[in-house]
C-alpha cells in the first residue's frame, strides 16, 4: 500500500522521491554489530556527508528512525547506536550515562569519526550531555 501511494504521489509530480521505496525499506532494516575497544555495539548507519549521531530514548533501539525524518541522506550521515541495554548492545558494565558515553565514543573512534553532531532524544539526552 505504501509503495502504491508513493508511486501515485510521484506520478502527480507534487512530490519528487529522493530514493525508491525499496531503499527506504532496506535502510530501516540493516544494522551493524561491532566490537569496539570497550565492548560490543549495535548501530545503524544511513547516508553520507556531515555525521549526525542520534542517541535514542528509553524503550527503543537503533532501528528507531522517526527522529531522522527530513534529513537528506545525500548530505548527512545518520548514525544511531543502540544504547547499552537496548537492542543488541549488551548492558554489561555501561550502566551510567558517563559509562554509556564512553562506549559511544569508542564507536565513533571505530568509525573513524572525529567530529560529530550529537542529538540526544529523551533518556538518550543524559548520555549526549556526558
Protein backbone atom coordinates (compact mmCIF):
# COMPACT_ATOMS: atom_id res chain seq x y z
CA UNK A 1 0.00 0.00 0.00
CA UNK A 2 2.79 2.44 0.90
CA UNK A 3 4.61 1.72 -2.36
CA UNK A 4 1.42 2.37 -4.34
CA UNK A 5 0.88 5.68 -2.51
CA UNK A 6 4.47 6.80 -3.14
CA UNK A 7 4.22 5.95 -6.82
CA UNK A 8 0.90 7.82 -7.06
CA UNK A 9 2.40 10.94 -5.46
CA UNK A 10 5.42 10.76 -7.71
CA UNK A 11 3.19 10.42 -10.79
CA UNK A 12 1.33 13.60 -9.82
CA UNK A 13 4.71 15.39 -9.68
CA UNK A 14 3.71 17.11 -6.45
CA UNK A 15 6.46 15.21 -4.69
CA UNK A 16 9.76 14.00 -6.03
CA UNK A 17 11.12 10.88 -4.36
CA UNK A 18 14.79 11.04 -3.45
CA UNK A 19 15.09 7.25 -3.01
CA UNK A 20 13.00 4.30 -4.04
CA UNK A 21 10.61 2.59 -1.58
CA UNK A 22 12.85 -0.47 -1.67
CA UNK A 23 15.84 1.56 -0.48
CA UNK A 24 13.75 3.03 2.34
CA UNK A 25 12.78 -0.45 3.47
CA UNK A 26 16.34 -1.75 3.31
CA UNK A 27 17.77 1.23 5.20
CA UNK A 28 15.36 0.85 8.08
CA UNK A 29 16.20 -2.84 8.50
CA UNK A 30 20.01 -3.02 8.25
CA UNK A 31 22.05 -2.84 11.44
CA UNK A 32 25.70 -3.47 12.21
CA UNK A 33 27.18 -5.15 15.27
CA UNK A 34 30.81 -4.29 16.02
CA UNK A 35 33.34 -4.82 18.77
CA UNK A 36 34.87 -1.52 19.81
CA UNK A 37 37.81 -1.13 22.20
CA UNK A 38 35.30 -1.00 25.10
CA UNK A 39 32.72 -3.54 24.01
CA UNK A 40 30.05 -4.57 21.52
CA UNK A 41 27.69 -2.01 19.97
CA UNK A 42 24.80 -2.44 17.56
CA UNK A 43 24.21 0.55 15.28
CA UNK A 44 22.51 1.65 12.09
CA UNK A 45 24.09 4.00 9.57
CA UNK A 46 22.45 5.67 6.59
CA UNK A 47 23.71 8.33 4.17
CA UNK A 48 26.89 10.26 3.61
CA UNK A 49 28.21 13.67 4.50
CA UNK A 50 28.10 15.50 7.83
CA UNK A 51 27.81 12.84 10.57
CA UNK A 52 24.85 13.17 12.96
CA UNK A 53 24.86 10.80 15.95
CA UNK A 54 21.42 10.04 17.41
CA UNK A 55 21.07 8.67 20.94
CA UNK A 56 17.58 7.20 21.25
CA UNK A 57 15.34 7.40 24.30
CA UNK A 58 14.14 4.59 26.52
CA UNK A 59 12.33 1.54 25.17
CA UNK A 60 13.92 1.99 21.76
CA UNK A 61 16.99 0.90 19.79
CA UNK A 62 18.97 1.68 16.66
CA UNK A 63 16.09 0.64 14.41
CA UNK A 64 14.01 3.63 15.51
CA UNK A 65 14.26 6.26 12.80
CA UNK A 66 11.34 8.62 13.34
CA UNK A 67 13.71 11.35 14.56
CA UNK A 68 15.73 11.04 11.33
CA UNK A 69 12.85 12.01 9.05
CA UNK A 70 13.53 15.02 6.87
CA UNK A 71 17.31 14.64 6.72
CA UNK A 72 18.77 14.48 3.22
CA UNK A 73 20.91 11.34 3.26
CA UNK A 74 22.99 12.66 0.36
CA UNK A 75 24.29 15.38 2.70
CA UNK A 76 24.06 13.77 6.13
CA UNK A 77 25.47 10.54 7.54
CA UNK A 78 22.89 9.45 10.12
CA UNK A 79 24.25 7.12 12.80
CA UNK A 80 22.07 5.59 15.51
CA UNK A 81 23.55 3.15 18.03
CA UNK A 82 21.50 1.01 20.37
CA UNK A 83 22.40 2.34 23.81
CA UNK A 84 23.65 -0.21 26.38
CA UNK A 85 20.81 -2.49 27.47
CA UNK A 86 18.74 -1.80 24.33
CA UNK A 87 18.60 -3.70 21.06
CA UNK A 88 21.62 -5.97 20.76
CA UNK A 89 24.04 -3.75 22.70
CA UNK A 90 24.71 -5.54 26.00
CA UNK A 91 24.32 -3.62 29.26
CA UNK A 92 27.45 -5.23 30.79
CA UNK A 93 29.27 -2.53 32.77
CA UNK A 94 27.88 0.51 30.93
CA UNK A 95 25.13 1.33 33.44
CA UNK A 96 25.54 5.09 33.90
CA UNK A 97 25.28 7.88 31.31
CA UNK A 98 29.03 8.55 31.69
CA UNK A 99 29.89 4.89 31.06
CA UNK A 100 27.49 4.72 28.11
CA UNK A 101 29.04 7.91 26.68
CA UNK A 102 32.50 6.28 26.79
CA UNK A 103 31.13 3.32 24.83
CA UNK A 104 29.59 5.69 22.26
CA UNK A 105 32.94 7.50 21.90
CA UNK A 106 34.58 4.12 21.26
CA UNK A 107 32.03 3.52 18.48
CA UNK A 108 32.84 6.90 16.94
CA UNK A 109 36.53 6.02 17.14
CA UNK A 110 35.84 2.67 15.46
CA UNK A 111 34.01 4.55 12.67
CA UNK A 112 36.97 6.98 12.42
CA UNK A 113 34.77 9.99 13.17
CA UNK A 114 36.49 12.86 14.97
CA UNK A 115 33.72 15.49 14.85
CA UNK A 116 30.01 14.79 15.02
CA UNK A 117 26.70 16.48 15.74
CA UNK A 118 25.09 14.68 18.69
CA UNK A 119 21.32 14.54 19.15
CA UNK A 120 20.06 13.06 22.43
CA UNK A 121 16.39 12.11 22.50
CA UNK A 122 14.66 11.80 25.89
CA UNK A 123 16.66 9.35 28.05
CA UNK A 124 19.45 9.47 25.46
CA UNK A 125 19.96 13.13 26.39
CA UNK A 126 21.86 12.19 29.56
CA UNK A 127 24.39 10.21 27.56
CA UNK A 128 24.60 13.02 24.99
CA UNK A 129 25.42 15.56 27.71
CA UNK A 130 28.02 13.29 29.32
